[in-house]
Amino acid sequence: MNGQTLSHPLTAPATTQWRVIGLCMLFNVIDGMDAMAMAFTAHAVAAEWALNAVQVGVLLSASLVGMACGSLCAATLADRHGRRPLLLWSLALSGVSMLLSYWTQNYATLLLLRAMTGLGVGAILVGANVLTYEYASERRRGLAVALQSAAFALGATLGGLLARALNEGAGWRHVFLAGAGITLLAALAGLRGLRESREYLAFAAQAGAPLMRARYRLLFAPGQWLQTVALAATFFLLMFSYYFVTSWTPVLLIRNGFSSEDGLGAGMLLNAGGMFGAVLVGLATRRLGSRRLLVGLLLLDALLMTLMMPASHTLALALAAGFGTGLLLNGAIAALYTLAPRSFVTATRASGVGLVLAIGRLGGILSPSVAGLLLAEQWTPQQLLNLYAASLLLAALLVGCSDRRRSDT
């Protein structure tokens, strides 16, 4: 299968492990750049094509919808055909979609291309997470998986810097052109250096066609369904809170009397705290366990969110709260990324992780709109924060009460 044999043990040499893990990190950096390209160019696109706020909002949501579909649908291909083909084809899809976006001349075409880019991004997130989990040694697995989460945040940050430089000079189309070039180069690097998971190859050599076709039924089999439902609901609630914080924190601070620059600074600190939190989780997972760590992060973040508005009366406290919230939220996401693949057997690992991430994306899609509607109904910022903090408390309860047994023994 895929031109590889099973003549070697399941554990790959250390150099191969870190080459594959490093490539997966590179893919996630590029994923972050591609996923956020529209956010960085939306103002320029709207000015050129005279788009209204609703049209811009739909453009921004298109990639999130695509990411949900990519996580859910394309992930089954990873369980059927392998993690390596999924990653390579998804990189090609994202790269070509970004390249075509450079030439697009109308709103409808760009909308379709953003959904296609999101489809590739969502599939890459699943493939990189699962391949990293299966390639990393048990001792370094938590750190390796957590670094994938930090890589996505890093890509979003670097994408912002690149877009700022290109928007002012070459124009918004060149943001997509640069992203396309980088993505396709990464696909070529993956074609040369990426190796299939030996764990997957061992399974595929032994599994029959009926088992391969039954993977989604296995996710809800007795002894497994509670894990699946709890993880999916937890990720929905976590992303529901994450996208509220990242979308609305700068706005709420400005409404509370701070300048636009202060609001932007808080947003940057959220991302900085997120990268720091993901790395810390990777270092702490082996000692504390991903499930226990996830519950603790969710509880702490729920507490901090209720304190954000009182802290926002002082700029220094507001910025510290933003950094801490980003650290805890992204740390929780990294812990969930570590917990999810170990909760499913090899036969259903990519499908299970894909389902969990897809449900989470739905929470991200709904969150900003729900907050906007509630603000329009005269909810106060503190009431909103309490609502989203309650969703984190519910997520912690789901994780704590779900089946603690590892599915993959």
Protein backbone atom coordinates (compact mmCIF):
# COMPACT_ATOMS: atom_id res chain seq x y z
CA MET A 1 0.00 0.00 0.00
CA ASN A 2 1.25 3.44 -1.01
CA GLY A 3 4.46 1.83 -2.18
CA GLN A 4 5.60 0.91 1.34
CA THR A 5 6.12 -2.42 3.09
CA LEU A 6 5.66 -3.78 6.58
CA SER A 7 9.14 -5.14 7.01
CA HIS A 8 9.98 -2.70 9.78
CA PRO A 9 8.63 -2.45 13.33
CA LEU A 10 5.79 -0.03 14.04
CA THR A 11 8.09 2.43 15.78
CA ALA A 12 9.94 4.50 13.21
CA PRO A 13 13.53 5.72 13.72
CA ALA A 14 13.80 8.99 15.63
CA THR A 15 15.00 10.93 12.57
CA THR A 16 12.00 9.75 10.55
CA GLN A 17 9.66 10.56 13.42
CA TRP A 18 10.79 14.14 13.70
CA ARG A 19 10.93 14.66 9.94
CA VAL A 20 7.29 13.60 9.61
CA ILE A 21 6.24 15.57 12.71
CA GLY A 22 8.14 18.62 11.43
CA LEU A 23 6.38 18.39 8.06
CA CYS A 24 3.01 18.14 9.80
CA MET A 25 3.89 21.28 11.78
CA LEU A 26 4.80 23.03 8.54
CA PHE A 27 1.46 22.00 7.05
CA ASN A 28 -0.38 23.44 10.05
CA VAL A 29 1.55 26.72 9.83
CA ILE A 30 0.45 26.99 6.20
CA ASP A 31 -3.07 25.94 7.23
CA GLY A 32 -3.23 28.92 9.57
CA MET A 33 -2.08 31.26 6.81
CA ASP A 34 -4.58 29.91 4.28
CA ALA A 35 -7.50 29.80 6.72
CA MET A 36 -7.01 33.45 7.73
CA ALA A 37 -6.24 34.85 4.27
CA MET A 38 -9.78 36.16 3.83
CA ALA A 39 -9.79 37.89 7.21
CA PHE A 40 -6.60 39.73 6.26
CA THR A 41 -7.92 40.83 2.85
CA ALA A 42 -11.64 41.32 3.52
CA HIS A 43 -11.47 45.11 3.77
CA ALA A 44 -9.62 45.47 0.45
CA VAL A 45 -11.91 43.00 -1.33
CA ALA A 46 -15.01 44.76 -0.03
CA ALA A 47 -13.68 48.12 -1.21
CA GLU A 48 -12.87 46.84 -4.72
CA TRP A 49 -16.16 45.03 -5.28
CA ALA A 50 -18.43 47.31 -3.17
CA LEU A 51 -19.53 44.49 -0.87
CA ASN A 52 -21.83 45.07 2.06
CA ALA A 53 -21.26 43.76 5.57
CA VAL A 54 -23.46 40.69 5.05
CA GLN A 55 -21.52 39.65 1.93
CA VAL A 56 -18.22 40.08 3.75
CA GLY A 57 -19.52 38.02 6.66
CA VAL A 58 -20.51 35.19 4.32
CA LEU A 59 -17.05 35.27 2.73
CA LEU A 60 -15.46 35.00 6.16
CA SER A 61 -17.72 32.09 7.10
CA ALA A 62 -17.19 30.16 3.86
CA SER A 63 -13.82 28.76 4.89
CA LEU A 64 -15.18 27.72 8.31
CA VAL A 65 -18.01 25.81 6.62
CA GLY A 66 -15.46 24.20 4.30
CA MET A 67 -13.26 23.29 7.27
CA ALA A 68 -16.17 21.53 8.97
CA CYS A 69 -16.95 19.56 5.79
CA GLY A 70 -13.27 18.74 5.28
CA SER A 71 -12.89 17.47 8.84
CA LEU A 72 -16.01 15.32 8.58
CA CYS A 73 -15.94 13.97 5.03
CA ALA A 74 -12.32 13.89 3.93
CA ALA A 75 -11.21 12.27 7.20
CA THR A 76 -12.86 8.99 6.14
CA LEU A 77 -10.40 8.89 3.24
CA ALA A 78 -7.54 8.81 5.73
CA ASP A 79 -8.96 5.66 7.32
CA ARG A 80 -9.60 4.08 3.93
CA HIS A 81 -6.58 5.14 1.86
CA GLY A 82 -4.04 6.40 4.40
CA ARG A 83 -2.98 9.59 6.18
CA ARG A 84 -0.26 10.51 3.65
CA PRO A 85 -2.53 10.63 0.55
CA LEU A 86 -5.10 12.69 2.45
CA LEU A 87 -2.49 15.27 3.44
CA LEU A 88 -0.96 15.54 -0.02
CA TRP A 89 -4.26 15.85 -1.88
CA SER A 90 -5.60 18.33 0.69
CA LEU A 91 -2.51 20.50 0.35
CA ALA A 92 -2.94 20.42 -3.42
CA LEU A 93 -6.61 21.40 -3.09
CA SER A 94 -5.82 24.33 -0.78
CA GLY A 95 -2.94 25.49 -2.96
CA VAL A 96 -4.89 25.37 -6.22
CA SER A 97 -7.91 27.09 -4.62
CA MET A 98 -5.68 29.87 -3.32
CA LEU A 99 -4.07 30.20 -6.76
CA LEU A 100 -7.44 30.47 -8.51
CA SER A 101 -8.48 33.09 -5.92
CA TYR A 102 -5.69 35.27 -7.28
CA TRP A 103 -7.43 35.39 -10.67
CA THR A 104 -11.05 35.50 -9.54
CA GLN A 105 -13.12 38.40 -10.84
CA ASN A 106 -16.41 38.11 -8.95
CA TYR A 107 -17.87 37.51 -5.51
CA ALA A 108 -19.57 34.16 -6.21
CA THR A 109 -16.40 32.57 -7.53
CA LEU A 110 -14.32 33.76 -4.58
CA LEU A 111 -16.99 32.44 -2.21
CA LEU A 112 -16.76 28.98 -3.78
CA LEU A 113 -12.97 29.04 -3.74
CA ARG A 114 -12.90 30.00 -0.06
CA ALA A 115 -15.12 27.02 0.74
CA MET A 116 -12.78 24.77 -1.27
CA THR A 117 -9.76 26.16 0.58
CA GLY A 118 -11.52 25.48 3.87
CA LEU A 119 -12.23 21.93 2.74
CA GLY A 120 -8.51 21.35 2.26
CA VAL A 121 -7.59 23.10 5.52
CA GLY A 122 -10.05 21.02 7.55
CA ALA A 123 -8.74 17.78 6.08
CA ILE A 124 -5.12 18.81 6.71
CA LEU A 125 -5.86 19.54 10.36
CA VAL A 126 -7.22 16.02 10.81
CA GLY A 127 -4.48 14.30 8.81
CA ALA A 128 -1.63 16.17 10.52
CA ASN A 129 -3.07 15.52 13.97
CA VAL A 130 -3.54 11.80 13.40
CA LEU A 131 -0.24 11.21 11.58
CA THR A 132 1.67 13.08 14.30
CA TYR A 133 -0.02 11.02 17.01
CA GLU A 134 0.80 7.75 15.26
CA TYR A 135 4.40 8.70 14.45
CA ALA A 136 5.44 10.26 17.76
CA SER A 137 6.92 8.12 20.52
CA GLU A 138 4.77 7.63 23.61
CA ARG A 139 7.15 9.80 25.63
CA ARG A 140 6.93 12.80 23.27
CA ARG A 141 3.44 12.28 21.87
CA GLY A 142 1.69 14.96 23.96
CA LEU A 143 4.28 17.58 23.06
CA ALA A 144 4.28 16.65 19.38
CA VAL A 145 0.48 16.87 19.06
CA ALA A 146 0.29 20.11 21.07
CA LEU A 147 2.89 21.71 18.81
CA GLN A 148 0.53 21.15 15.88
CA SER A 149 -1.96 23.47 17.58
CA ALA A 150 0.73 26.08 18.21
CA ALA A 151 1.81 25.80 14.56
CA PHE A 152 -1.67 26.78 13.33
CA ALA A 153 -1.69 29.88 15.56
CA LEU A 154 1.81 30.74 14.36
CA GLY A 155 0.64 30.46 10.76
CA ALA A 156 -2.25 32.81 11.41
CA THR A 157 0.15 35.35 12.95
CA LEU A 158 2.67 35.08 10.10
CA GLY A 159 -0.15 35.31 7.59
CA GLY A 160 -1.21 38.60 9.13
CA LEU A 161 2.29 40.01 8.80
CA LEU A 162 2.55 38.83 5.19
CA ALA A 163 -0.86 40.24 4.31
CA ARG A 164 -0.04 43.59 5.85
CA ALA A 165 3.06 43.87 3.68
CA LEU A 166 1.36 42.75 0.46
CA ASN A 167 -1.93 44.60 0.93
CA GLU A 168 -0.20 47.96 1.10
CA GLY A 169 1.99 47.35 -1.93
CA ALA A 170 1.05 44.65 -4.40
CA GLY A 171 -2.64 44.36 -3.48
CA TRP A 172 -4.93 41.78 -1.90
CA ARG A 173 -4.69 39.27 -4.77
CA HIS A 174 -1.00 38.77 -4.05
CA VAL A 175 -1.83 37.56 -0.55
CA PHE A 176 -3.59 34.60 -2.15
CA LEU A 177 -0.82 34.17 -4.72
CA ALA A 178 1.86 34.03 -2.02
CA GLY A 179 -0.24 31.61 0.03
CA ALA A 180 -0.75 29.39 -3.03
CA GLY A 181 2.97 29.27 -3.78
CA ILE A 182 3.91 28.40 -0.20
CA THR A 183 1.18 25.74 0.03
CA LEU A 184 2.13 24.02 -3.23
CA LEU A 185 5.81 24.04 -2.27
CA ALA A 186 4.86 22.38 1.02
CA ALA A 187 2.93 19.73 -0.94
CA LEU A 188 6.08 18.99 -2.97
CA ALA A 189 8.10 18.74 0.26
CA GLY A 190 5.50 16.33 1.62
CA LEU A 191 5.58 14.25 -1.55
CA ARG A 192 9.30 13.77 -1.04
CA GLY A 193 9.63 13.52 2.73
CA LEU A 194 6.29 12.35 4.17
CA ARG A 195 5.89 8.69 5.14
CA GLU A 196 2.74 6.75 5.88
CA SER A 197 1.97 5.74 9.46
CA ARG A 198 3.28 2.24 10.15
CA GLU A 199 0.45 1.73 12.60
CA TYR A 200 -2.03 2.43 9.80
CA LEU A 201 -0.17 0.17 7.35
CA ALA A 202 -0.23 -2.69 9.86
CA PHE A 203 -3.96 -2.24 10.35
CA ALA A 204 -4.72 -1.94 6.62
CA ALA A 205 -2.82 -5.16 5.88
CA GLN A 206 -5.01 -7.08 8.34
CA ALA A 207 -8.41 -5.36 8.08
CA GLY A 208 -11.13 -6.63 5.80
CA ALA A 209 -13.37 -4.52 3.60
CA PRO A 210 -16.46 -4.86 5.89
CA LEU A 211 -14.48 -3.43 8.82
CA MET A 212 -13.16 -0.58 6.67
CA ARG A 213 -16.70 0.31 5.58
CA ALA A 214 -18.13 0.13 9.11
CA ARG A 215 -15.88 2.78 10.64
CA TYR A 216 -18.61 5.34 11.40
CA ARG A 217 -20.81 2.69 13.01
CA LEU A 218 -17.85 1.74 15.19
CA LEU A 219 -17.66 5.29 16.52
CA PHE A 220 -21.05 4.75 18.17
CA ALA A 221 -20.63 1.11 19.18
CA PRO A 222 -21.19 0.06 22.81
CA GLY A 223 -18.22 1.12 24.91
CA GLN A 224 -17.24 3.84 22.41
CA TRP A 225 -20.28 6.04 21.78
CA LEU A 226 -19.99 7.93 25.08
CA GLN A 227 -16.38 8.90 24.29
CA THR A 228 -17.37 10.04 20.80
CA VAL A 229 -20.36 12.12 21.89
CA ALA A 230 -18.56 13.66 24.87
CA LEU A 231 -15.51 14.68 22.82
CA ALA A 232 -17.63 16.12 20.00
CA ALA A 233 -19.81 18.11 22.41
CA THR A 234 -16.75 19.30 24.33
CA PHE A 235 -15.06 20.57 21.19
CA PHE A 236 -18.30 22.30 20.10
CA LEU A 237 -18.52 24.13 23.43
CA LEU A 238 -14.81 24.95 23.46
CA MET A 239 -14.82 26.42 19.95
CA PHE A 240 -18.08 28.21 20.76
CA SER A 241 -16.21 30.08 23.50
CA TYR A 242 -12.93 30.42 21.56
CA TYR A 243 -14.46 32.18 18.56
CA PHE A 244 -16.46 34.48 20.83
CA VAL A 245 -13.29 35.55 22.63
CA THR A 246 -11.20 35.99 19.46
CA SER A 247 -13.98 37.76 17.54
CA TRP A 248 -15.47 40.00 20.20
CA THR A 249 -12.81 40.78 22.82
CA PRO A 250 -11.31 43.74 20.87
CA VAL A 251 -14.82 45.08 20.17
CA LEU A 252 -15.92 44.80 23.80
CA LEU A 253 -12.77 46.55 25.02
CA ILE A 254 -13.34 49.42 22.59
CA ARG A 255 -16.95 49.65 23.78
CA ASN A 256 -15.58 49.85 27.31
CA GLY A 257 -13.60 52.97 26.45
CA PHE A 258 -10.26 51.73 25.12
CA SER A 259 -8.78 52.82 21.80
CA SER A 260 -8.75 50.73 18.62
CA GLU A 261 -5.00 50.21 19.10
CA ASP A 262 -5.61 48.83 22.58
CA GLY A 263 -8.26 46.47 21.21
CA LEU A 264 -5.87 45.25 18.51
CA GLY A 265 -3.15 44.77 21.12
CA ALA A 266 -5.48 42.60 23.17
CA GLY A 267 -6.22 40.50 20.09
CA MET A 268 -2.51 39.99 19.43
CA LEU A 269 -1.95 38.99 23.06
CA LEU A 270 -4.72 36.41 22.73
CA ASN A 271 -2.78 34.76 19.90
CA ALA A 272 0.53 35.06 21.74
CA GLY A 273 -0.94 33.50 24.85
CA GLY A 274 -2.42 30.77 22.68
CA MET A 275 0.93 29.68 21.24
CA PHE A 276 2.49 29.75 24.72
CA GLY A 277 -0.40 27.74 26.16
CA ALA A 278 -0.17 25.05 23.48
CA VAL A 279 3.54 24.51 24.17
CA LEU A 280 2.97 24.37 27.95
CA VAL A 281 0.26 21.76 27.48
CA GLY A 282 2.60 19.67 25.37
CA LEU A 283 5.20 19.71 28.13
CA ALA A 284 2.70 18.97 30.88
CA THR A 285 0.58 16.28 29.20
CA ARG A 286 2.83 13.33 30.02
CA ARG A 287 3.02 14.26 33.70
CA LEU A 288 -0.62 15.24 34.29
CA GLY A 289 -2.51 13.36 31.57
CA SER A 290 -4.44 15.05 28.75
CA ARG A 291 -7.90 14.41 30.27
CA ARG A 292 -7.07 15.81 33.70
CA LEU A 293 -5.23 18.74 32.14
CA LEU A 294 -8.15 19.52 29.83
CA VAL A 295 -10.63 19.60 32.72
CA GLY A 296 -8.37 21.91 34.74
CA LEU A 297 -7.85 24.32 31.83
CA LEU A 298 -11.57 24.51 31.11
CA LEU A 299 -12.39 25.27 34.74
CA LEU A 300 -9.69 27.94 35.05
CA ASP A 301 -10.73 29.58 31.81
CA ALA A 302 -14.39 29.66 32.86
CA LEU A 303 -13.33 31.49 36.03
CA LEU A 304 -11.11 33.94 34.15
CA MET A 305 -13.82 34.76 31.61
CA THR A 306 -16.17 35.88 34.39
CA LEU A 307 -13.44 38.25 35.60
CA MET A 308 -12.59 39.79 32.22
CA MET A 309 -15.00 42.73 32.40
CA PRO A 310 -14.03 43.80 35.94
CA ALA A 311 -10.38 43.56 34.83
CA SER A 312 -11.06 45.65 31.72
CA HIS A 313 -11.33 48.86 33.75
CA THR A 314 -7.53 48.93 33.78
CA LEU A 315 -5.59 48.48 30.53
CA ALA A 316 -2.79 46.43 32.09
CA LEU A 317 -5.28 44.05 33.71
CA ALA A 318 -7.30 43.83 30.49
CA LEU A 319 -4.21 42.87 28.49
CA ALA A 320 -3.18 40.34 31.15
CA ALA A 321 -6.67 38.85 31.08
CA GLY A 322 -6.50 38.63 27.29
CA PHE A 323 -3.16 36.85 27.41
CA GLY A 324 -4.34 34.47 30.11
CA THR A 325 -7.59 33.69 28.30
CA GLY A 326 -5.72 32.95 25.08
CA LEU A 327 -3.27 30.74 26.97
CA LEU A 328 -6.01 28.72 28.66
CA LEU A 329 -8.31 28.42 25.64
CA ASN A 330 -5.56 27.35 23.23
CA GLY A 331 -4.09 25.13 25.91
CA ALA A 332 -7.46 23.40 26.21
CA ILE A 333 -7.63 23.01 22.42
CA ALA A 334 -4.14 21.48 22.41
CA ALA A 335 -5.10 19.10 25.23
CA LEU A 336 -8.22 18.06 23.31
CA TYR A 337 -6.13 17.49 20.17
CA THR A 338 -3.98 15.16 22.26
CA LEU A 339 -6.92 13.37 23.88
CA ALA A 340 -8.99 12.88 20.70
CA PRO A 341 -6.72 10.54 18.68
CA ARG A 342 -6.01 8.29 21.67
CA SER A 343 -9.76 7.89 22.20
CA PHE A 344 -10.23 5.92 18.96
CA VAL A 345 -8.72 2.71 17.61
CA THR A 346 -6.55 2.79 14.49
CA ALA A 347 -9.45 1.71 12.24
CA THR A 348 -11.54 4.76 13.14
CA ARG A 349 -8.96 7.26 14.37
CA ALA A 350 -9.09 9.73 11.47
CA SER A 351 -12.88 9.41 11.13
CA GLY A 352 -13.32 9.94 14.87
CA VAL A 353 -11.00 12.93 15.05
CA GLY A 354 -12.62 14.33 11.90
CA LEU A 355 -16.09 14.04 13.40
CA VAL A 356 -14.98 15.71 16.64
CA LEU A 357 -13.30 18.60 14.78
CA ALA A 358 -16.25 19.04 12.41
CA ILE A 359 -18.72 19.38 15.30
CA GLY A 360 -16.32 21.85 16.89
CA ARG A 361 -16.25 23.95 13.72
CA LEU A 362 -20.03 24.25 13.92
CA GLY A 363 -19.59 25.85 17.33
CA GLY A 364 -17.08 28.27 15.83
CA ILE A 365 -19.45 29.15 12.98
CA LEU A 366 -22.38 29.83 15.31
CA SER A 367 -20.54 31.65 18.09
CA PRO A 368 -19.93 35.16 16.68
CA SER A 369 -23.47 35.36 15.30
CA VAL A 370 -25.02 34.27 18.60
CA ALA A 371 -23.02 36.93 20.45
CA GLY A 372 -24.10 39.59 17.95
CA LEU A 373 -27.76 38.65 18.29
CA LEU A 374 -27.59 38.70 22.09
CA LEU A 375 -25.89 42.11 22.08
CA ALA A 376 -28.67 43.34 19.82
CA GLU A 377 -31.11 42.09 22.46
CA GLN A 378 -29.37 44.35 25.01
CA TRP A 379 -27.32 41.71 26.77
CA THR A 380 -24.44 43.24 28.67
CA PRO A 381 -20.84 42.13 28.01
CA GLN A 382 -20.73 40.56 31.48
CA GLN A 383 -23.84 38.50 30.74
CA LEU A 384 -22.27 37.30 27.51
CA LEU A 385 -19.05 36.32 29.26
CA ASN A 386 -21.04 34.44 31.90
CA LEU A 387 -22.87 32.51 29.17
CA TYR A 388 -19.68 31.49 27.42
CA ALA A 389 -18.03 30.65 30.75
CA ALA A 390 -20.98 28.36 31.49
CA SER A 391 -20.36 26.55 28.19
CA LEU A 392 -16.79 25.84 29.36
CA LEU A 393 -18.08 24.51 32.68
CA LEU A 394 -20.40 22.17 30.78
CA ALA A 395 -17.48 21.05 28.60
CA ALA A 396 -15.42 20.27 31.72
CA LEU A 397 -18.33 18.23 33.11
CA LEU A 398 -18.62 16.24 29.87
CA VAL A 399 -14.91 15.42 29.83
CA GLY A 400 -14.88 14.47 33.49
CA CYS A 401 -17.92 12.20 33.24
CA SER A 402 -17.08 10.48 29.94
CA ASP A 403 -15.57 7.01 29.79
CA ARG A 404 -12.00 7.21 31.10
CA ARG A 405 -10.83 4.04 29.45
CA ARG A 406 -8.54 4.42 26.47
CA SER A 407 -10.10 2.96 23.36
CA ASP A 408 -6.75 2.14 21.78
CA THR A 409 -4.90 -0.28 24.02
